[in-house]
Amino acid sequence: MAVLTINKNFDETVLKSSEPVIVDFWAPWCGYCRRLSPAVDRLEAEYENKLKVAKLNIDDEEEIAEKYEVDTIPTLILFKNGEMVDSVVNPASQDAIEEWLKENGVL
């Protein structure tokens, strides 16, 4: 499954998912976001049976970014059973993201 792009399907994709979902809040002009993007993309391929990965462009979805108080990007937010569980801002690497997921009981 490819990384999802969230437009108006946030509720269906994230809040109603039976699997944990990582939402990558990003923007095309963000250099750190572009640097982190390959690591985020690999997560879904490597853990496709354990979690979903979705990307949300904060320029296109300002209301959702504001709702979850995303002030700095890239921000990854973990959702389980429709609830925000935890977030991490500008993780250093895929290893750092995986450690964060382990701390939150996903991996």
C-alpha atoms as a PDB file:
ATOM      1  CA  MET A   1       0.000   0.000   0.000  1.00  0.00           C
ATOM      2  CA  ALA A   2       1.286   3.450  -0.860  1.00  0.00           C
ATOM      3  CA  VAL A   3       1.569   6.298   1.570  1.00  0.00           C
ATOM      4  CA  LEU A   4      -1.780   8.023   1.715  1.00  0.00           C
ATOM      5  CA  THR A   5      -2.372  11.652   0.952  1.00  0.00           C
ATOM      6  CA  ILE A   6      -5.095  13.034   3.147  1.00  0.00           C
ATOM      7  CA  ASN A   7      -7.444  15.517   1.612  1.00  0.00           C
ATOM      8  CA  LYS A   8     -11.007  15.409   2.886  1.00  0.00           C
ATOM      9  CA  ASN A   9     -10.778  11.772   4.027  1.00  0.00           C
ATOM     10  CA  PHE A  10      -9.018  12.371   7.345  1.00  0.00           C
ATOM     11  CA  ASP A  11     -11.836  10.872   9.429  1.00  0.00           C
ATOM     12  CA  GLU A  12     -12.077   7.729   7.311  1.00  0.00           C
ATOM     13  CA  THR A  13      -8.329   7.244   6.891  1.00  0.00           C
ATOM     14  CA  VAL A  14      -7.165   8.094  10.398  1.00  0.00           C
ATOM     15  CA  LEU A  15      -9.925   8.313  12.963  1.00  0.00           C
ATOM     16  CA  LYS A  16     -11.840   5.215  11.830  1.00  0.00           C
ATOM     17  CA  SER A  17      -8.795   3.022  11.205  1.00  0.00           C
ATOM     18  CA  SER A  18      -8.540  -0.252  13.099  1.00  0.00           C
ATOM     19  CA  GLU A  19      -4.747  -0.061  12.800  1.00  0.00           C
ATOM     20  CA  PRO A  20      -2.461   2.557  14.359  1.00  0.00           C
ATOM     21  CA  VAL A  21      -1.853   5.461  11.962  1.00  0.00           C
ATOM     22  CA  ILE A  22       1.120   7.792  11.737  1.00  0.00           C
ATOM     23  CA  VAL A  23       0.258  11.125  10.165  1.00  0.00           C
ATOM     24  CA  ASP A  24       3.197  13.045   8.744  1.00  0.00           C
ATOM     25  CA  PHE A  25       2.371  16.768   8.868  1.00  0.00           C
ATOM     26  CA  TRP A  26       4.539  18.395   6.204  1.00  0.00           C
ATOM     27  CA  ALA A  27       4.687  21.062   3.477  1.00  0.00           C
ATOM     28  CA  PRO A  28       6.377  21.073   0.064  1.00  0.00           C
ATOM     29  CA  TRP A  29       8.526  24.107   0.952  1.00  0.00           C
ATOM     30  CA  CYS A  30       9.920  22.417   4.106  1.00  0.00           C
ATOM     31  CA  GLY A  31      13.463  21.134   3.593  1.00  0.00           C
ATOM     32  CA  TYR A  32      13.415  18.996   6.752  1.00  0.00           C
ATOM     33  CA  CYS A  33      10.167  17.428   5.567  1.00  0.00           C
ATOM     34  CA  ARG A  34      11.735  16.464   2.243  1.00  0.00           C
ATOM     35  CA  ARG A  35      14.744  15.009   4.088  1.00  0.00           C
ATOM     36  CA  LEU A  36      12.532  12.894   6.348  1.00  0.00           C
ATOM     37  CA  SER A  37      10.072  11.813   3.655  1.00  0.00           C
ATOM     38  CA  PRO A  38      11.986   8.711   2.412  1.00  0.00           C
ATOM     39  CA  ALA A  39      12.205   7.346   5.973  1.00  0.00           C
ATOM     40  CA  VAL A  40       8.478   7.873   6.503  1.00  0.00           C
ATOM     41  CA  ASP A  41       7.719   6.248   3.152  1.00  0.00           C
ATOM     42  CA  ARG A  42       9.767   3.165   4.107  1.00  0.00           C
ATOM     43  CA  LEU A  43       7.841   2.721   7.369  1.00  0.00           C
ATOM     44  CA  GLU A  44       4.642   1.728   5.654  1.00  0.00           C
ATOM     45  CA  ALA A  45       6.402  -0.765   3.398  1.00  0.00           C
ATOM     46  CA  GLU A  46       8.313  -2.314   6.296  1.00  0.00           C
ATOM     47  CA  TYR A  47       5.421  -2.419   8.770  1.00  0.00           C
ATOM     48  CA  GLU A  48       2.405  -2.711   6.481  1.00  0.00           C
ATOM     49  CA  ASN A  49       0.669  -5.254   8.725  1.00  0.00           C
ATOM     50  CA  LYS A  50       1.190  -3.191  11.888  1.00  0.00           C
ATOM     51  CA  LEU A  51       0.415   0.401  10.939  1.00  0.00           C
ATOM     52  CA  LYS A  52      -0.739   2.835   8.295  1.00  0.00           C
ATOM     53  CA  VAL A  53       1.167   5.911   7.230  1.00  0.00           C
ATOM     54  CA  ALA A  54      -0.527   9.049   5.940  1.00  0.00           C
ATOM     55  CA  LYS A  55       0.785  12.438   4.877  1.00  0.00           C
ATOM     56  CA  LEU A  56      -0.990  15.713   5.461  1.00  0.00           C
ATOM     57  CA  ASN A  57       0.107  18.874   3.672  1.00  0.00           C
ATOM     58  CA  ILE A  58      -0.451  21.617   6.242  1.00  0.00           C
ATOM     59  CA  ASP A  59      -0.884  24.213   3.490  1.00  0.00           C
ATOM     60  CA  ASP A  60      -3.843  22.275   2.101  1.00  0.00           C
ATOM     61  CA  GLU A  61      -5.288  21.196   5.458  1.00  0.00           C
ATOM     62  CA  GLU A  62      -4.673  24.116   7.821  1.00  0.00           C
ATOM     63  CA  GLU A  63      -7.759  23.328   9.903  1.00  0.00           C
ATOM     64  CA  ILE A  64      -6.551  19.815  10.774  1.00  0.00           C
ATOM     65  CA  ALA A  65      -3.024  21.061  11.520  1.00  0.00           C
ATOM     66  CA  GLU A  66      -4.475  23.684  13.863  1.00  0.00           C
ATOM     67  CA  LYS A  67      -6.775  21.157  15.533  1.00  0.00           C
ATOM     68  CA  TYR A  68      -3.772  19.000  16.473  1.00  0.00           C
ATOM     69  CA  GLU A  69      -1.646  22.060  17.371  1.00  0.00           C
ATOM     70  CA  VAL A  70       1.030  21.409  14.766  1.00  0.00           C
ATOM     71  CA  ASP A  71       3.291  24.463  14.965  1.00  0.00           C
ATOM     72  CA  THR A  72       6.531  22.970  13.644  1.00  0.00           C
ATOM     73  CA  ILE A  73       7.032  20.601  10.734  1.00  0.00           C
ATOM     74  CA  PRO A  74       7.752  17.868  10.142  1.00  0.00           C
ATOM     75  CA  THR A  75       5.581  16.572  12.955  1.00  0.00           C
ATOM     76  CA  LEU A  76       4.516  12.945  13.171  1.00  0.00           C
ATOM     77  CA  ILE A  77       1.387  12.183  15.161  1.00  0.00           C
ATOM     78  CA  LEU A  78       0.411   8.671  16.182  1.00  0.00           C
ATOM     79  CA  PHE A  79      -3.279   7.802  16.315  1.00  0.00           C
ATOM     80  CA  LYS A  80      -4.746   4.630  17.826  1.00  0.00           C
ATOM     81  CA  ASN A  81      -8.456   3.843  17.801  1.00  0.00           C
ATOM     82  CA  GLY A  82      -9.226   7.321  16.505  1.00  0.00           C
ATOM     83  CA  GLU A  83      -7.360   9.109  19.285  1.00  0.00           C
ATOM     84  CA  MET A  84      -4.121  11.070  19.178  1.00  0.00           C
ATOM     85  CA  VAL A  85      -1.610   9.117  21.282  1.00  0.00           C
ATOM     86  CA  ASP A  86       1.694  10.942  20.897  1.00  0.00           C
ATOM     87  CA  SER A  87       3.691  13.157  18.573  1.00  0.00           C
ATOM     88  CA  VAL A  88       7.307  13.730  17.646  1.00  0.00           C
ATOM     89  CA  VAL A  89       8.743  16.829  15.977  1.00  0.00           C
ATOM     90  CA  ASN A  90      11.517  16.551  13.404  1.00  0.00           C
ATOM     91  CA  PRO A  91      12.768  13.056  14.274  1.00  0.00           C
ATOM     92  CA  ALA A  92      16.400  12.571  13.336  1.00  0.00           C
ATOM     93  CA  SER A  93      16.051   9.322  11.380  1.00  0.00           C
ATOM     94  CA  GLN A  94      13.974   6.251  10.645  1.00  0.00           C
ATOM     95  CA  ASP A  95      15.610   4.616  13.666  1.00  0.00           C
ATOM     96  CA  ALA A  96      14.377   7.471  15.859  1.00  0.00           C
ATOM     97  CA  ILE A  97      10.848   7.045  14.495  1.00  0.00           C
ATOM     98  CA  GLU A  98      10.966   3.298  15.095  1.00  0.00           C
ATOM     99  CA  GLU A  99      12.150   3.851  18.680  1.00  0.00           C
ATOM    100  CA  TRP A 100       9.264   6.289  19.209  1.00  0.00           C
ATOM    101  CA  LEU A 101       6.835   3.672  17.841  1.00  0.00           C
ATOM    102  CA  LYS A 102       8.283   1.043  20.194  1.00  0.00           C
ATOM    103  CA  GLU A 103       7.837   3.406  23.139  1.00  0.00           C
ATOM    104  CA  ASN A 104       4.180   3.741  22.131  1.00  0.00           C
ATOM    105  CA  GLY A 105       3.602  -0.004  21.793  1.00  0.00           C
ATOM    106  CA  VAL A 106       3.191  -0.092  18.019  1.00  0.00           C
ATOM    107  CA  LEU A 107       6.316  -2.104  17.171  1.00  0.00           C
END
